[in-house]
Protein backbone atom coordinates (compact mmCIF):
# COMPACT_ATOMS: atom_id res chain seq x y z
CA MET A 1 78.72 -52.88 21.45
CA THR A 2 77.28 -50.15 23.63
CA ARG A 3 76.00 -50.84 27.12
CA GLY A 4 72.60 -49.44 26.27
CA ARG A 5 70.55 -47.29 23.95
CA TYR A 6 67.67 -44.88 24.53
CA TRP A 7 64.71 -44.34 22.29
CA LEU A 8 62.33 -41.40 22.59
CA ALA A 9 58.83 -40.89 21.25
CA ILE A 10 58.19 -37.28 20.27
CA ILE A 11 54.71 -35.79 19.80
CA ASP A 12 54.38 -32.16 18.71
CA GLY A 13 57.94 -31.47 19.80
CA GLU A 14 57.46 -32.95 23.29
CA ILE A 15 58.98 -36.12 24.67
CA ALA A 16 55.98 -38.42 24.95
CA GLY A 17 57.83 -41.51 26.09
CA GLN A 18 61.17 -43.19 26.53
CA LEU A 19 62.74 -46.56 26.98
CA LEU A 20 66.27 -47.81 27.44
CA ILE A 21 67.63 -51.06 26.07
CA THR A 22 70.48 -52.88 27.81
CA TYR A 23 71.89 -56.22 26.78
CA GLU A 24 72.51 -59.56 28.49
CA TRP A 25 74.17 -62.59 26.92
CA SER A 26 72.28 -65.81 27.57
CA ASP A 27 74.38 -68.96 27.51
CA TRP A 28 71.14 -70.94 27.76
CA HIS A 29 69.77 -69.44 24.52
CA ASN A 30 73.14 -68.72 22.92
CA GLY A 31 71.96 -65.21 22.19
CA ARG A 32 71.59 -61.72 23.57
CA TYR A 33 68.47 -60.58 25.39
CA TRP A 34 67.46 -56.99 24.84
CA TRP A 35 66.25 -55.75 28.24
CA ILE A 36 63.70 -52.94 28.20
CA GLN A 37 64.44 -50.56 31.06
CA SER A 38 63.56 -47.07 32.21
CA VAL A 39 60.16 -47.06 30.53
CA TYR A 40 58.36 -43.79 31.10
CA VAL A 41 55.36 -42.19 29.43
CA PRO A 42 54.08 -38.94 30.99
CA ALA A 43 50.48 -39.21 32.22
CA ARG A 44 49.06 -36.94 29.50
CA PHE A 45 50.42 -39.30 26.81
CA ARG A 46 49.37 -42.61 28.38
CA ARG A 47 46.80 -44.85 26.70
CA ARG A 48 47.63 -43.28 23.33
CA GLY A 49 49.87 -46.04 21.96
CA VAL A 50 53.17 -44.36 22.82
CA PHE A 51 54.71 -47.36 24.56
CA SER A 52 53.37 -49.74 21.92
CA ALA A 53 55.02 -47.69 19.17
CA LEU A 54 58.34 -47.66 21.04
CA TYR A 55 58.07 -51.39 21.69
CA LYS A 56 57.26 -52.25 18.07
CA HIS A 57 60.23 -50.19 16.88
CA VAL A 58 62.63 -51.87 19.32
CA GLU A 59 61.14 -55.29 18.61
CA SER A 60 61.75 -54.90 14.87
CA MET A 61 65.34 -53.83 15.51
CA ALA A 62 65.92 -56.79 17.84
CA GLN A 63 64.44 -59.23 15.31
CA ALA A 64 66.88 -57.88 12.71
CA ASP A 65 69.84 -58.49 15.07
CA GLN A 66 71.23 -61.99 14.44
CA ASP A 67 72.51 -62.23 18.02
CA ALA A 68 69.23 -61.21 19.68
CA CYS A 69 67.16 -64.01 21.18
CA GLY A 70 64.32 -61.98 22.72
CA LEU A 71 63.06 -59.00 24.65
CA ARG A 72 62.60 -58.87 28.41
CA LEU A 73 61.63 -56.33 31.02
CA TYR A 74 61.03 -56.05 34.74
CA VAL A 75 57.64 -54.94 36.02
CA GLU A 76 56.58 -54.43 39.62
CA THR A 77 54.27 -57.20 40.76
CA GLY A 78 51.64 -54.68 41.89
CA ASN A 79 51.63 -52.67 38.66
CA GLU A 80 48.65 -54.40 37.05
CA ARG A 81 48.07 -51.63 34.50
CA ALA A 82 51.59 -51.99 33.10
CA GLN A 83 51.26 -55.78 33.08
CA GLU A 84 48.04 -55.43 31.06
CA THR A 85 49.86 -53.27 28.55
CA TYR A 86 52.72 -55.75 28.23
CA ARG A 87 50.34 -58.70 27.81
CA ALA A 88 48.41 -56.77 25.13
CA ILE A 89 51.55 -56.47 22.98
CA GLY A 90 52.25 -60.20 23.30
CA MET A 91 54.68 -60.41 26.22
CA LYS A 92 54.36 -63.30 28.66
CA LYS A 93 55.56 -64.15 32.17
CA PRO A 94 58.59 -66.42 31.78
CA GLY A 95 58.09 -68.22 35.09
CA TYR A 96 61.16 -66.76 36.78
CA LEU A 97 61.31 -64.87 40.05
CA VAL A 98 64.08 -62.29 40.37
CA MET A 99 66.23 -62.49 43.48
CA GLU A 100 68.79 -59.83 44.37
CA SER A 101 71.46 -58.78 46.76
CA ILE A 102 71.88 -55.00 47.12
CA PHE A 103 75.26 -53.50 48.00
CA THR A 104 74.53 -49.78 48.15
CA GLU A 105 73.15 -48.02 51.21
CA GLN A 106 70.36 -46.42 49.17
CA GLY A 107 69.43 -49.76 47.59
CA MET A 108 69.34 -51.54 50.96
CA GLN A 109 67.10 -48.84 52.43
CA LYS A 110 64.70 -49.04 49.49
CA ASN A 111 64.65 -52.84 49.70
CA ALA A 112 63.82 -52.71 53.45
CA GLU A 113 60.98 -50.22 52.83
CA SER A 114 59.35 -52.49 50.24
CA ARG A 115 58.97 -55.42 52.69
């Protein structure tokens, strides 16, 4: 198994969006979560269904994978527009809060700035 896979949306020869999938085994669900990461849609392509098309494609592939138990992604708590988009395609908040411990200098600095 690979560590991750990228998908691109192309419109008129231009990259209109991207997302990366990474994988995490869940002992609780006895299956593999497909984590959506590195989502990006350039401003001129937003609100045109680019992310939804990427999501639907990845969702259908995950549903066909016997080991997959679901899709997950991180979203910044203040990014209401993205949260709206994710809710509109059927995603829900799982009730978990992510905690972390950063080991790199750059990561620690970024973490301190966000407080």
